[in-house]
């Protein structure tokens, strides 16, 4: 049984960031169904930065980011949302 964790008290170490994952839409803009099995890492590749480690340079909390699913580590914090940790260097882009 996982207990709920106060996310505001989760502080990533070193160059890591904590991201709340966002689901990709189940349909494309053209109406094509996108099967979950077609995308690795349970179809998450974008999210919002919730907190950053002390060695992270220019990534701010609250920013939307795209990240590599290869080195991201999904964690269960006891909330309905899904979260992951990854290194700042594994972030692919900040979505403006």
Protein backbone atom coordinates (compact mmCIF):
# COMPACT_ATOMS: atom_id res chain seq x y z
CA UNK A 1 0.00 0.00 0.00
CA UNK A 2 1.43 3.36 -1.03
CA UNK A 3 0.93 6.30 1.27
CA UNK A 4 0.25 9.78 -0.02
CA UNK A 5 3.32 11.99 -0.19
CA UNK A 6 3.16 15.78 0.04
CA UNK A 7 4.63 16.60 -3.36
CA UNK A 8 5.76 20.05 -2.21
CA UNK A 9 8.16 18.29 0.18
CA UNK A 10 9.75 16.07 -2.50
CA UNK A 11 13.11 17.63 -3.40
CA UNK A 12 15.06 15.99 -6.22
CA UNK A 13 18.78 15.52 -5.65
CA UNK A 14 21.63 16.94 -7.73
CA UNK A 15 20.66 17.41 -11.40
CA UNK A 16 17.28 15.65 -11.27
CA UNK A 17 13.81 17.07 -11.79
CA UNK A 18 10.41 15.83 -10.63
CA UNK A 19 7.80 15.87 -13.41
CA UNK A 20 4.03 15.38 -13.28
CA UNK A 21 3.29 13.33 -16.39
CA UNK A 22 0.64 14.30 -18.90
CA UNK A 23 -1.17 11.76 -21.02
CA UNK A 24 -1.07 12.12 -24.74
CA UNK A 25 -4.51 12.31 -26.34
CA UNK A 26 -6.16 9.02 -27.23
CA UNK A 27 -7.02 10.36 -30.69
CA UNK A 28 -4.91 12.29 -33.14
CA UNK A 29 -6.05 15.66 -34.49
CA UNK A 30 -7.42 13.78 -37.51
CA UNK A 31 -9.47 11.41 -35.34
CA UNK A 32 -7.19 8.37 -35.61
CA UNK A 33 -7.17 6.23 -32.45
CA UNK A 34 -3.71 5.99 -30.90
CA UNK A 35 -3.20 2.62 -29.19
CA UNK A 36 -1.41 2.77 -25.84
CA UNK A 37 0.85 -0.07 -26.93
CA UNK A 38 2.24 2.09 -29.74
CA UNK A 39 4.10 4.38 -27.33
CA UNK A 40 6.65 3.29 -24.76
CA UNK A 41 6.56 4.46 -21.09
CA UNK A 42 2.79 4.27 -20.89
CA UNK A 43 2.45 7.01 -23.52
CA UNK A 44 3.97 9.82 -21.48
CA UNK A 45 6.60 12.08 -22.99
CA UNK A 46 5.50 15.48 -21.73
CA UNK A 47 4.87 16.92 -18.31
CA UNK A 48 5.11 19.80 -15.89
CA UNK A 49 8.19 20.36 -13.74
CA UNK A 50 7.17 20.30 -10.07
CA UNK A 51 10.57 20.65 -8.42
CA UNK A 52 14.24 20.73 -9.37
CA UNK A 53 17.49 19.63 -7.75
CA UNK A 54 20.16 22.04 -6.55
CA UNK A 55 22.43 21.43 -9.57
CA UNK A 56 19.76 22.16 -12.20
CA UNK A 57 20.58 25.33 -14.08
CA UNK A 58 17.89 26.96 -16.17
CA UNK A 59 14.81 24.75 -15.72
CA UNK A 60 12.13 26.39 -13.59
CA UNK A 61 9.24 24.80 -11.73
CA UNK A 62 5.93 25.10 -13.53
CA UNK A 63 7.46 24.78 -17.01
CA UNK A 64 6.08 22.25 -19.51
CA UNK A 65 8.84 19.96 -20.77
CA UNK A 66 9.34 17.13 -23.21
CA UNK A 67 11.70 14.41 -22.01
CA UNK A 68 13.32 11.16 -23.01
CA UNK A 69 11.51 8.09 -21.74
CA UNK A 70 14.72 6.04 -21.78
CA UNK A 71 16.23 7.46 -18.57
CA UNK A 72 13.08 8.59 -16.76
CA UNK A 73 12.07 6.73 -13.62
CA UNK A 74 8.35 6.62 -12.86
CA UNK A 75 7.42 6.86 -9.17
CA UNK A 76 4.17 6.34 -7.29
CA UNK A 77 3.60 9.17 -4.81
CA UNK A 78 0.16 7.95 -3.78
CA UNK A 79 -1.77 10.46 -5.87
CA UNK A 80 -3.97 9.92 -8.95
CA UNK A 81 -1.39 11.72 -11.12
CA UNK A 82 1.71 9.94 -12.39
CA UNK A 83 5.17 11.34 -11.72
CA UNK A 84 8.74 10.63 -12.76
CA UNK A 85 12.27 11.71 -12.00
CA UNK A 86 14.81 12.33 -14.72
CA UNK A 87 18.07 14.19 -15.13
CA UNK A 88 17.88 17.73 -16.43
CA UNK A 89 20.19 16.68 -19.27
CA UNK A 90 17.57 14.17 -20.45
CA UNK A 91 14.99 16.91 -21.02
CA UNK A 92 14.52 17.40 -24.74
CA UNK A 93 12.72 20.75 -24.79
CA UNK A 94 10.89 23.37 -22.77
CA UNK A 95 7.45 24.04 -24.24
CA UNK A 96 6.89 27.79 -24.39
